[in-house]
C-alpha cells in the first residue's frame, strides 16, 4: 500500500479559500455572470471543490447554480487494465446540459487523461454550448492536448513527485502539498 511523504506545503488553509474565491470571480467575469452555468465536479475532490466555488459564486451573485457530480471510471482508457482497483462513484447531473456552459472542476491536472474521459462522458449526456475546465493545481506532464481555462496554481513537478489536495470535509484539513509516494513501512 502506498503512503504519502510530505515534501512541502504549497497552499495553506487560508490560501485554499482565497484561491477558490479568485477562481469564482474569474469564472463569473469570463461568463458574464452565473446565468447558464452548470458546475460539474469530478470524483473525488473535484465535486467538493465545485461546491465551494459555487458557494463563492452565490456570495457574489446571490443566485443558485446547478451542481452535478461525474464519475469517469467507465470512460477511462485504462479501465480494462485497472478494473479491479477502480471504484465506481455516483454520477449525478441534475439538469440538462444542452446549450449550457459546463464548468468542469477537478483538483489536479496531470496527464489530461481523466479530463479526456470526462469530456467523453459529458458529450454522452448532451451538447453543452461550452465546457470550461477549472483545476486547483496544474502540475504539467500532459500526455494529451488538454489545457485548463481556470487554474488555482501552476506547480511544475518532477515525475517522482505528486500533488495532494486536502479538503476539510474529506481529509479534515484544507491545503495543497507536494508529496512522494512511498511503499507502506518505508
N, C-alpha and C. Protein backbone atom coordinates (compact mmCIF):
# COMPACT_ATOMS: atom_id res chain seq x y z
N UNK A 1 0.84 -1.18 0.00
CA UNK A 1 0.00 0.00 0.00
C UNK A 1 0.88 1.25 0.00
N UNK A 2 0.46 2.27 -0.72
CA UNK A 2 1.25 3.50 -0.81
C UNK A 2 0.88 4.46 0.30
N UNK A 3 1.89 5.15 0.77
CA UNK A 3 1.73 6.17 1.79
C UNK A 3 2.39 7.44 1.26
N UNK A 4 1.83 8.60 1.60
CA UNK A 4 2.40 9.85 1.14
C UNK A 4 3.47 10.36 2.11
N UNK A 5 4.57 10.85 1.56
CA UNK A 5 5.60 11.52 2.34
C UNK A 5 5.59 12.99 1.92
N UNK A 6 5.30 13.88 2.87
CA UNK A 6 5.19 15.30 2.57
C UNK A 6 6.57 15.91 2.33
N UNK A 7 6.69 16.61 1.20
CA UNK A 7 7.92 17.32 0.88
C UNK A 7 7.78 18.81 1.19
N UNK A 8 6.60 19.36 0.89
CA UNK A 8 6.40 20.80 1.10
C UNK A 8 4.91 21.13 1.12
N UNK A 9 4.55 22.11 1.95
CA UNK A 9 3.20 22.67 1.93
C UNK A 9 3.21 23.77 0.87
N UNK A 10 2.28 23.69 -0.07
CA UNK A 10 2.24 24.64 -1.19
C UNK A 10 1.21 25.73 -0.95
N UNK A 11 0.01 25.33 -0.51
CA UNK A 11 -1.07 26.29 -0.21
C UNK A 11 -1.65 25.91 1.14
N UNK A 12 -1.78 26.88 2.05
CA UNK A 12 -2.37 26.60 3.36
C UNK A 12 -3.88 26.77 3.31
N UNK A 13 -4.53 26.60 4.44
CA UNK A 13 -6.00 26.65 4.51
C UNK A 13 -6.56 27.99 4.01
N UNK A 14 -5.99 29.08 4.48
CA UNK A 14 -6.46 30.41 4.03
C UNK A 14 -6.21 30.59 2.54
N UNK A 15 -5.09 30.10 2.07
CA UNK A 15 -4.77 30.19 0.64
C UNK A 15 -5.74 29.41 -0.22
N UNK A 16 -6.20 28.27 0.27
CA UNK A 16 -7.20 27.48 -0.47
C UNK A 16 -8.47 28.31 -0.64
N UNK A 17 -8.94 28.94 0.44
CA UNK A 17 -10.17 29.73 0.35
C UNK A 17 -9.99 30.94 -0.56
N UNK A 18 -8.85 31.62 -0.47
CA UNK A 18 -8.57 32.76 -1.37
C UNK A 18 -8.56 32.31 -2.82
N UNK A 19 -7.95 31.17 -3.08
CA UNK A 19 -7.86 30.64 -4.45
C UNK A 19 -9.25 30.33 -4.99
N UNK A 20 -10.09 29.72 -4.18
CA UNK A 20 -11.46 29.39 -4.62
C UNK A 20 -12.26 30.65 -4.92
N UNK A 21 -12.11 31.68 -4.11
CA UNK A 21 -12.80 32.95 -4.37
C UNK A 21 -12.32 33.57 -5.67
N UNK A 22 -11.00 33.53 -5.88
CA UNK A 22 -10.45 34.09 -7.13
C UNK A 22 -10.96 33.31 -8.34
N UNK A 23 -10.96 31.99 -8.25
CA UNK A 23 -11.47 31.18 -9.36
C UNK A 23 -12.93 31.51 -9.65
N UNK A 24 -13.73 31.66 -8.60
CA UNK A 24 -15.15 32.02 -8.79
C UNK A 24 -15.28 33.36 -9.52
N UNK A 25 -14.49 34.34 -9.11
CA UNK A 25 -14.54 35.66 -9.75
C UNK A 25 -14.12 35.58 -11.21
N UNK A 26 -13.07 34.82 -11.50
CA UNK A 26 -12.61 34.67 -12.88
C UNK A 26 -13.67 33.99 -13.75
N UNK A 27 -14.32 32.98 -13.21
CA UNK A 27 -15.38 32.28 -13.94
C UNK A 27 -16.53 33.23 -14.24
N UNK A 28 -16.96 33.98 -13.24
CA UNK A 28 -18.06 34.93 -13.42
C UNK A 28 -17.71 36.01 -14.43
N UNK A 29 -16.50 36.50 -14.37
CA UNK A 29 -16.07 37.54 -15.32
C UNK A 29 -16.06 37.00 -16.74
N UNK A 30 -15.50 35.81 -16.95
CA UNK A 30 -15.41 35.23 -18.28
C UNK A 30 -16.78 34.84 -18.82
N UNK A 31 -17.70 34.52 -17.91
CA UNK A 31 -19.03 34.04 -18.30
C UNK A 31 -20.09 35.13 -18.29
N UNK A 32 -19.71 36.36 -17.97
CA UNK A 32 -20.67 37.47 -17.82
C UNK A 32 -21.77 37.13 -16.83
N UNK A 33 -21.38 36.58 -15.68
CA UNK A 33 -22.34 36.24 -14.63
C UNK A 33 -22.59 34.75 -14.56
N UNK A 34 -23.57 34.38 -13.73
CA UNK A 34 -23.82 32.97 -13.44
C UNK A 34 -24.93 32.36 -14.29
N UNK A 35 -25.61 33.17 -15.11
CA UNK A 35 -26.67 32.63 -15.95
C UNK A 35 -26.11 31.57 -16.89
N UNK A 36 -26.82 30.51 -17.04
CA UNK A 36 -26.49 29.45 -17.99
C UNK A 36 -25.31 28.56 -17.57
N UNK A 37 -24.81 28.74 -16.33
CA UNK A 37 -23.71 27.91 -15.85
C UNK A 37 -24.22 26.65 -15.16
N UNK A 38 -23.49 25.55 -15.35
CA UNK A 38 -23.71 24.31 -14.62
C UNK A 38 -22.33 23.84 -14.18
N UNK A 39 -22.14 23.66 -12.89
CA UNK A 39 -20.88 23.14 -12.37
C UNK A 39 -20.97 21.64 -12.23
N UNK A 40 -19.93 20.96 -12.69
CA UNK A 40 -19.86 19.50 -12.55
C UNK A 40 -18.48 19.17 -12.00
N UNK A 41 -18.47 18.56 -10.83
CA UNK A 41 -17.22 18.19 -10.17
C UNK A 41 -16.90 16.73 -10.37
N UNK A 42 -15.64 16.46 -10.67
CA UNK A 42 -15.19 15.08 -10.81
C UNK A 42 -14.94 14.47 -9.43
N UNK A 43 -15.28 13.20 -9.31
CA UNK A 43 -14.98 12.50 -8.06
C UNK A 43 -13.49 12.29 -7.98
N UNK A 44 -12.86 12.43 -6.90
CA UNK A 44 -13.39 12.56 -5.58
C UNK A 44 -13.34 14.01 -5.10
N UNK A 45 -12.27 14.71 -5.37
CA UNK A 45 -12.13 16.05 -4.82
C UNK A 45 -12.64 17.18 -5.72
N UNK A 46 -12.90 16.90 -6.97
CA UNK A 46 -13.44 17.93 -7.84
C UNK A 46 -14.84 18.35 -7.43
N UNK A 47 -15.64 17.40 -6.94
CA UNK A 47 -17.01 17.72 -6.53
C UNK A 47 -17.05 18.68 -5.34
N UNK A 48 -16.34 18.40 -4.23
CA UNK A 48 -16.38 19.39 -3.14
C UNK A 48 -15.73 20.72 -3.51
N UNK A 49 -14.73 20.70 -4.39
CA UNK A 49 -14.16 21.96 -4.86
C UNK A 49 -15.21 22.75 -5.63
N UNK A 50 -15.96 22.07 -6.50
CA UNK A 50 -17.03 22.74 -7.26
C UNK A 50 -18.07 23.34 -6.32
N UNK A 51 -18.43 22.60 -5.28
CA UNK A 51 -19.42 23.08 -4.30
C UNK A 51 -18.91 24.35 -3.62
N UNK A 52 -17.65 24.35 -3.27
CA UNK A 52 -17.10 25.53 -2.59
C UNK A 52 -16.97 26.72 -3.54
N UNK A 53 -16.67 26.47 -4.80
CA UNK A 53 -16.64 27.57 -5.77
C UNK A 53 -18.05 28.12 -5.96
N UNK A 54 -19.04 27.24 -6.03
CA UNK A 54 -20.44 27.68 -6.14
C UNK A 54 -20.83 28.54 -4.94
N UNK A 55 -20.38 28.16 -3.75
CA UNK A 55 -20.67 28.99 -2.56
C UNK A 55 -20.11 30.39 -2.73
N UNK A 56 -18.92 30.51 -3.33
CA UNK A 56 -18.33 31.83 -3.60
C UNK A 56 -19.13 32.58 -4.66
N UNK A 57 -19.60 31.86 -5.68
CA UNK A 57 -20.44 32.48 -6.73
C UNK A 57 -21.72 33.00 -6.11
N UNK A 58 -22.34 32.19 -5.24
CA UNK A 58 -23.60 32.60 -4.60
C UNK A 58 -23.38 33.83 -3.73
N UNK A 59 -22.26 33.88 -3.04
CA UNK A 59 -21.94 35.03 -2.21
C UNK A 59 -21.82 36.30 -3.05
N UNK A 60 -21.26 36.18 -4.25
CA UNK A 60 -21.04 37.32 -5.13
C UNK A 60 -22.28 37.69 -5.95
N UNK A 61 -22.98 36.68 -6.47
CA UNK A 61 -24.08 36.92 -7.41
C UNK A 61 -25.48 36.74 -6.81
N UNK A 62 -25.57 36.11 -5.65
CA UNK A 62 -26.85 35.86 -4.97
C UNK A 62 -27.80 35.00 -5.81
N UNK A 63 -27.23 33.99 -6.48
CA UNK A 63 -28.04 33.06 -7.27
C UNK A 63 -27.58 31.63 -6.99
N UNK A 64 -28.50 30.70 -7.15
CA UNK A 64 -28.16 29.29 -7.04
C UNK A 64 -27.72 28.78 -8.41
N UNK A 65 -26.63 28.06 -8.44
CA UNK A 65 -26.11 27.49 -9.67
C UNK A 65 -26.17 25.97 -9.55
N UNK A 66 -26.65 25.28 -10.59
CA UNK A 66 -26.74 23.83 -10.51
C UNK A 66 -25.36 23.18 -10.35
N UNK A 67 -25.35 22.09 -9.57
CA UNK A 67 -24.12 21.35 -9.29
C UNK A 67 -24.36 19.87 -9.54
N UNK A 68 -23.45 19.26 -10.28
CA UNK A 68 -23.51 17.82 -10.53
C UNK A 68 -22.19 17.17 -10.20
N UNK A 69 -22.23 15.85 -10.13
CA UNK A 69 -21.00 15.08 -9.89
C UNK A 69 -20.83 14.10 -11.04
N UNK A 70 -19.57 13.81 -11.36
CA UNK A 70 -19.28 12.96 -12.51
C UNK A 70 -18.23 11.92 -12.13
N UNK A 71 -18.55 10.66 -12.41
CA UNK A 71 -17.59 9.57 -12.27
C UNK A 71 -17.19 9.14 -13.67
N UNK A 72 -15.90 9.14 -13.95
CA UNK A 72 -15.42 8.82 -15.30
C UNK A 72 -14.83 7.42 -15.40
N UNK A 73 -15.03 6.60 -14.39
CA UNK A 73 -14.41 5.27 -14.35
C UNK A 73 -14.62 4.49 -15.64
N UNK A 74 -15.85 4.44 -16.14
CA UNK A 74 -16.15 3.64 -17.33
C UNK A 74 -15.59 4.26 -18.62
N UNK A 75 -15.17 5.51 -18.55
CA UNK A 75 -14.63 6.21 -19.72
C UNK A 75 -13.10 6.24 -19.74
N UNK A 76 -12.48 5.70 -18.71
CA UNK A 76 -11.02 5.73 -18.62
C UNK A 76 -10.39 4.84 -19.68
N UNK A 77 -9.26 5.29 -20.22
CA UNK A 77 -8.59 4.48 -21.25
C UNK A 77 -7.81 3.30 -20.65
N UNK A 78 -7.72 3.25 -19.33
CA UNK A 78 -7.07 2.10 -18.68
C UNK A 78 -8.07 1.24 -17.92
N UNK A 79 -9.36 1.39 -18.22
CA UNK A 79 -10.40 0.68 -17.48
C UNK A 79 -10.19 -0.83 -17.48
N UNK A 80 -9.90 -1.42 -18.62
CA UNK A 80 -9.71 -2.87 -18.71
C UNK A 80 -8.49 -3.36 -17.96
N UNK A 81 -7.46 -2.53 -17.89
CA UNK A 81 -6.23 -2.92 -17.21
C UNK A 81 -6.28 -2.71 -15.71
N UNK A 82 -7.12 -1.78 -15.25
CA UNK A 82 -7.15 -1.45 -13.81
C UNK A 82 -8.52 -1.65 -13.20
N UNK A 83 -9.39 -2.39 -13.85
CA UNK A 83 -10.78 -2.51 -13.40
C UNK A 83 -10.90 -2.93 -11.94
N UNK A 84 -10.05 -3.84 -11.48
CA UNK A 84 -10.17 -4.32 -10.11
C UNK A 84 -9.80 -3.26 -9.08
N UNK A 85 -8.97 -2.29 -9.43
CA UNK A 85 -8.56 -1.27 -8.47
C UNK A 85 -9.40 0.00 -8.55
N UNK A 86 -10.30 0.08 -9.52
CA UNK A 86 -11.12 1.28 -9.68
C UNK A 86 -12.44 1.12 -8.92
N UNK A 87 -12.86 2.16 -8.25
CA UNK A 87 -14.11 2.13 -7.52
C UNK A 87 -15.10 3.09 -8.17
N UNK A 88 -16.27 2.57 -8.48
CA UNK A 88 -17.30 3.39 -9.10
C UNK A 88 -17.90 4.36 -8.07
N UNK A 89 -18.19 5.56 -8.52
CA UNK A 89 -18.88 6.57 -7.73
C UNK A 89 -20.18 6.91 -8.45
N UNK A 90 -21.01 7.70 -7.84
CA UNK A 90 -22.28 8.08 -8.43
C UNK A 90 -22.08 9.28 -9.35
N UNK A 91 -22.65 9.19 -10.56
CA UNK A 91 -22.74 10.35 -11.44
C UNK A 91 -24.13 10.92 -11.26
N UNK A 92 -24.20 12.20 -10.95
CA UNK A 92 -25.49 12.86 -10.73
C UNK A 92 -25.42 14.26 -11.33
N UNK A 93 -26.03 14.41 -12.50
CA UNK A 93 -26.11 15.72 -13.14
C UNK A 93 -27.59 16.07 -13.18
N UNK A 94 -28.04 16.94 -12.27
CA UNK A 94 -29.47 17.16 -12.06
C UNK A 94 -30.18 18.04 -13.08
N UNK A 95 -29.46 18.56 -14.05
CA UNK A 95 -30.06 19.43 -15.06
C UNK A 95 -29.60 19.00 -16.45
N UNK A 96 -30.37 19.40 -17.44
CA UNK A 96 -29.99 19.17 -18.84
C UNK A 96 -28.83 20.10 -19.17
N UNK A 97 -27.77 19.56 -19.74
CA UNK A 97 -26.60 20.39 -20.06
C UNK A 97 -26.63 20.94 -21.48
N UNK A 98 -27.62 20.58 -22.27
CA UNK A 98 -27.72 21.10 -23.64
C UNK A 98 -27.77 22.63 -23.62
N UNK A 99 -26.88 23.25 -24.38
CA UNK A 99 -26.86 24.70 -24.50
C UNK A 99 -26.29 25.43 -23.31
N UNK A 100 -25.86 24.73 -22.29
CA UNK A 100 -25.32 25.36 -21.07
C UNK A 100 -23.80 25.50 -21.17
N UNK A 101 -23.25 26.34 -20.32
CA UNK A 101 -21.81 26.40 -20.14
C UNK A 101 -21.50 25.52 -18.94
N UNK A 102 -20.82 24.41 -19.22
CA UNK A 102 -20.46 23.47 -18.16
C UNK A 102 -19.10 23.87 -17.61
N UNK A 103 -19.04 24.05 -16.30
CA UNK A 103 -17.79 24.33 -15.60
C UNK A 103 -17.37 23.01 -14.96
N UNK A 104 -16.40 22.36 -15.58
CA UNK A 104 -15.89 21.07 -15.13
C UNK A 104 -14.77 21.32 -14.13
N UNK A 105 -14.87 20.72 -12.94
CA UNK A 105 -13.93 21.02 -11.86
C UNK A 105 -13.20 19.75 -11.42
N UNK A 106 -11.87 19.84 -11.31
CA UNK A 106 -11.06 18.75 -10.78
C UNK A 106 -9.97 19.35 -9.89
N UNK A 107 -9.34 18.51 -9.09
CA UNK A 107 -8.33 19.02 -8.16
C UNK A 107 -6.98 19.21 -8.83
N UNK A 108 -6.46 18.19 -9.54
CA UNK A 108 -5.13 18.26 -10.13
C UNK A 108 -5.19 17.86 -11.59
N UNK A 109 -4.61 18.69 -12.44
CA UNK A 109 -4.46 18.36 -13.86
C UNK A 109 -3.05 17.84 -14.07
N UNK A 110 -2.96 16.63 -14.60
CA UNK A 110 -1.65 15.98 -14.77
C UNK A 110 -1.52 15.57 -16.23
N UNK A 111 -1.80 14.35 -16.59
CA UNK A 111 -1.61 13.88 -17.97
C UNK A 111 -2.70 14.35 -18.92
N UNK A 112 -3.89 14.65 -18.38
CA UNK A 112 -5.03 15.04 -19.21
C UNK A 112 -5.97 13.89 -19.50
N UNK A 113 -5.60 12.68 -19.13
CA UNK A 113 -6.42 11.51 -19.46
C UNK A 113 -7.75 11.48 -18.71
N UNK A 114 -7.77 11.91 -17.46
CA UNK A 114 -9.03 11.96 -16.71
C UNK A 114 -9.97 12.98 -17.34
N UNK A 115 -9.44 14.11 -17.76
CA UNK A 115 -10.27 15.14 -18.38
C UNK A 115 -10.80 14.67 -19.72
N UNK A 116 -9.98 13.95 -20.50
CA UNK A 116 -10.47 13.38 -21.76
C UNK A 116 -11.64 12.45 -21.49
N UNK A 117 -11.54 11.64 -20.46
CA UNK A 117 -12.64 10.74 -20.10
C UNK A 117 -13.88 11.54 -19.68
N UNK A 118 -13.67 12.62 -18.94
CA UNK A 118 -14.80 13.47 -18.51
C UNK A 118 -15.49 14.12 -19.71
N UNK A 119 -14.71 14.57 -20.68
CA UNK A 119 -15.30 15.18 -21.88
C UNK A 119 -16.15 14.16 -22.63
N UNK A 120 -15.66 12.93 -22.76
CA UNK A 120 -16.45 11.87 -23.40
C UNK A 120 -17.76 11.65 -22.66
N UNK A 121 -17.69 11.59 -21.33
CA UNK A 121 -18.90 11.38 -20.52
C UNK A 121 -19.89 12.53 -20.69
N UNK A 122 -19.39 13.75 -20.68
CA UNK A 122 -20.28 14.91 -20.82
C UNK A 122 -20.96 14.93 -22.19
N UNK A 123 -20.23 14.62 -23.24
CA UNK A 123 -20.81 14.61 -24.58
C UNK A 123 -21.88 13.53 -24.70
N UNK A 124 -21.71 12.43 -23.98
CA UNK A 124 -22.75 11.40 -23.96
C UNK A 124 -24.03 11.89 -23.28
N UNK A 125 -23.92 12.91 -22.43
CA UNK A 125 -25.08 13.45 -21.70
C UNK A 125 -25.82 14.52 -22.48
N UNK A 126 -25.18 15.14 -23.44
CA UNK A 126 -25.83 16.23 -24.16
C UNK A 126 -24.82 17.04 -24.93
N UNK A 127 -25.30 18.21 -25.38
CA UNK A 127 -24.45 19.09 -26.18
C UNK A 127 -24.37 20.45 -25.51
N UNK A 128 -23.38 20.61 -24.60
CA UNK A 128 -23.23 21.91 -23.96
C UNK A 128 -22.76 22.97 -24.95
N UNK A 129 -23.10 24.21 -24.69
CA UNK A 129 -22.61 25.31 -25.53
C UNK A 129 -21.10 25.44 -25.38
N UNK A 130 -20.61 25.30 -24.15
CA UNK A 130 -19.18 25.39 -23.85
C UNK A 130 -18.87 24.46 -22.69
N UNK A 131 -17.64 24.02 -22.64
CA UNK A 131 -17.13 23.31 -21.46
C UNK A 131 -15.86 24.04 -21.06
N UNK A 132 -15.81 24.48 -19.81
CA UNK A 132 -14.64 25.17 -19.28
C UNK A 132 -14.06 24.32 -18.15
N UNK A 133 -12.75 24.19 -18.12
CA UNK A 133 -12.08 23.37 -17.12
C UNK A 133 -11.45 24.23 -16.04
N UNK A 134 -11.75 23.87 -14.78
CA UNK A 134 -11.20 24.53 -13.61
C UNK A 134 -10.41 23.48 -12.83
N UNK A 135 -9.17 23.80 -12.50
CA UNK A 135 -8.38 22.90 -11.66
C UNK A 135 -7.71 23.71 -10.54
N UNK A 136 -7.58 23.08 -9.41
CA UNK A 136 -6.89 23.72 -8.29
C UNK A 136 -5.40 23.81 -8.60
N UNK A 137 -4.83 22.71 -9.15
CA UNK A 137 -3.41 22.66 -9.44
C UNK A 137 -3.18 22.11 -10.85
N UNK A 138 -2.32 22.78 -11.61
CA UNK A 138 -1.84 22.25 -12.89
C UNK A 138 -0.38 21.89 -12.68
N UNK A 139 -0.07 20.59 -12.70
CA UNK A 139 1.30 20.16 -12.40
C UNK A 139 2.12 19.80 -13.64
N UNK A 140 1.55 20.01 -14.83
CA UNK A 140 2.29 19.72 -16.05
C UNK A 140 2.28 18.25 -16.42
N UNK A 141 3.18 17.85 -17.31
CA UNK A 141 3.36 16.46 -17.76
C UNK A 141 2.19 15.96 -18.61
N UNK A 142 1.61 16.81 -19.43
CA UNK A 142 0.47 16.43 -20.26
C UNK A 142 0.83 15.36 -21.26
N UNK A 143 -0.04 14.39 -21.44
CA UNK A 143 0.07 13.37 -22.47
C UNK A 143 -0.94 13.59 -23.59
N UNK A 144 -1.91 14.44 -23.33
CA UNK A 144 -2.95 14.79 -24.31
C UNK A 144 -3.03 16.30 -24.41
N UNK A 145 -3.51 16.84 -25.54
CA UNK A 145 -3.56 18.29 -25.71
C UNK A 145 -4.76 18.90 -24.97
N UNK A 146 -4.66 18.94 -23.65
CA UNK A 146 -5.73 19.46 -22.80
C UNK A 146 -5.14 20.56 -21.93
N UNK A 147 -5.90 21.65 -21.81
CA UNK A 147 -5.44 22.82 -21.05
C UNK A 147 -6.60 23.33 -20.21
N UNK A 148 -6.32 23.70 -18.97
CA UNK A 148 -7.35 24.27 -18.10
C UNK A 148 -7.61 25.73 -18.46
N UNK A 149 -8.87 26.14 -18.29
CA UNK A 149 -9.25 27.53 -18.53
C UNK A 149 -9.03 28.39 -17.29
N UNK A 150 -9.18 27.76 -16.11
CA UNK A 150 -9.03 28.47 -14.84
C UNK A 150 -8.16 27.60 -13.94
N UNK A 151 -7.08 28.17 -13.43
CA UNK A 151 -6.11 27.40 -12.66
C UNK A 151 -5.83 28.10 -11.33
N UNK A 152 -5.94 27.33 -10.26
CA UNK A 152 -5.61 27.87 -8.95
C UNK A 152 -4.13 28.19 -8.85
N UNK A 153 -3.29 27.22 -9.23
CA UNK A 153 -1.84 27.43 -9.17
C UNK A 153 -1.15 26.48 -10.13
N UNK A 154 -0.17 27.02 -10.86
CA UNK A 154 0.74 26.19 -11.65
C UNK A 154 1.80 25.67 -10.68
N UNK A 155 2.03 24.37 -10.71
CA UNK A 155 3.04 23.78 -9.84
C UNK A 155 3.84 22.75 -10.62
N UNK A 156 4.88 23.18 -11.32
CA UNK A 156 5.70 22.21 -12.06
C UNK A 156 6.28 21.18 -11.10
N UNK A 157 6.20 19.93 -11.47
CA UNK A 157 6.68 18.84 -10.61
C UNK A 157 7.61 17.94 -11.40
N UNK A 158 8.40 17.17 -10.68
CA UNK A 158 9.18 16.12 -11.32
C UNK A 158 8.29 14.87 -11.38
N UNK A 159 8.70 13.90 -12.17
CA UNK A 159 7.88 12.69 -12.32
C UNK A 159 7.78 11.89 -11.04
N UNK A 160 8.74 12.01 -10.12
CA UNK A 160 8.68 11.28 -8.85
C UNK A 160 7.85 11.96 -7.79
N UNK A 161 7.41 13.18 -8.08
CA UNK A 161 6.61 13.93 -7.11
C UNK A 161 5.13 13.83 -7.47
N UNK A 162 4.29 14.00 -6.46
CA UNK A 162 2.85 14.04 -6.65
C UNK A 162 2.32 15.25 -5.91
N UNK A 163 1.09 15.62 -6.22
CA UNK A 163 0.43 16.73 -5.55
C UNK A 163 -0.78 16.17 -4.83
N UNK A 164 -0.91 16.54 -3.57
CA UNK A 164 -2.04 16.09 -2.76
C UNK A 164 -2.86 17.30 -2.35
N UNK A 165 -4.11 17.34 -2.83
CA UNK A 165 -5.04 18.40 -2.43
C UNK A 165 -5.89 17.84 -1.29
N UNK A 166 -5.85 18.49 -0.16
CA UNK A 166 -6.61 18.08 1.02
C UNK A 166 -7.76 19.05 1.22
N UNK A 167 -8.94 18.49 1.53
CA UNK A 167 -10.13 19.31 1.76
C UNK A 167 -10.76 18.94 3.10
N UNK A 168 -11.21 19.97 3.82
CA UNK A 168 -11.75 19.79 5.17
C UNK A 168 -12.77 18.66 5.27
N UNK A 169 -13.76 18.68 4.37
CA UNK A 169 -14.87 17.73 4.52
C UNK A 169 -14.48 16.29 4.16
N UNK A 170 -13.31 16.08 3.55
CA UNK A 170 -12.84 14.73 3.22
C UNK A 170 -11.65 14.34 4.10
N UNK A 171 -10.70 15.27 4.24
CA UNK A 171 -9.42 14.97 4.89
C UNK A 171 -9.25 15.62 6.26
N UNK A 172 -10.18 16.48 6.65
CA UNK A 172 -10.08 17.14 7.94
C UNK A 172 -9.26 18.42 7.92
N UNK A 173 -8.67 18.75 6.78
CA UNK A 173 -7.88 19.98 6.65
C UNK A 173 -7.90 20.44 5.20
N UNK A 174 -7.69 21.74 5.01
CA UNK A 174 -7.52 22.31 3.68
C UNK A 174 -6.04 22.55 3.45
N UNK A 175 -5.58 22.22 2.25
CA UNK A 175 -4.20 22.51 1.91
C UNK A 175 -3.79 21.79 0.65
N UNK A 176 -2.70 22.23 0.07
CA UNK A 176 -2.10 21.58 -1.09
C UNK A 176 -0.66 21.27 -0.72
N UNK A 177 -0.27 20.01 -0.97
CA UNK A 177 1.04 19.55 -0.54
C UNK A 177 1.76 18.85 -1.69
N UNK A 178 3.06 19.05 -1.74
CA UNK A 178 3.92 18.30 -2.65
C UNK A 178 4.35 17.06 -1.88
N UNK A 179 4.17 15.89 -2.49
CA UNK A 179 4.45 14.63 -1.79
C UNK A 179 5.19 13.66 -2.71
N UNK A 180 5.75 12.64 -2.11
CA UNK A 180 6.25 11.49 -2.85
C UNK A 180 5.47 10.29 -2.35
N UNK A 181 5.21 9.36 -3.23
CA UNK A 181 4.53 8.13 -2.82
C UNK A 181 5.59 7.13 -2.41
N UNK A 182 5.44 6.57 -1.22
CA UNK A 182 6.36 5.55 -0.75
C UNK A 182 5.58 4.29 -0.41
N UNK A 183 6.22 3.16 -0.41
CA UNK A 183 5.57 1.93 0.00
C UNK A 183 5.38 1.96 1.51
N UNK A 184 4.27 1.38 1.99
CA UNK A 184 3.97 1.33 3.42
C UNK A 184 5.17 0.75 4.16
N UNK A 185 5.58 1.40 5.23
CA UNK A 185 6.70 0.90 6.03
C UNK A 185 8.04 1.52 5.67
N UNK A 186 8.12 2.25 4.58
CA UNK A 186 9.41 2.87 4.21
C UNK A 186 9.69 4.07 5.08
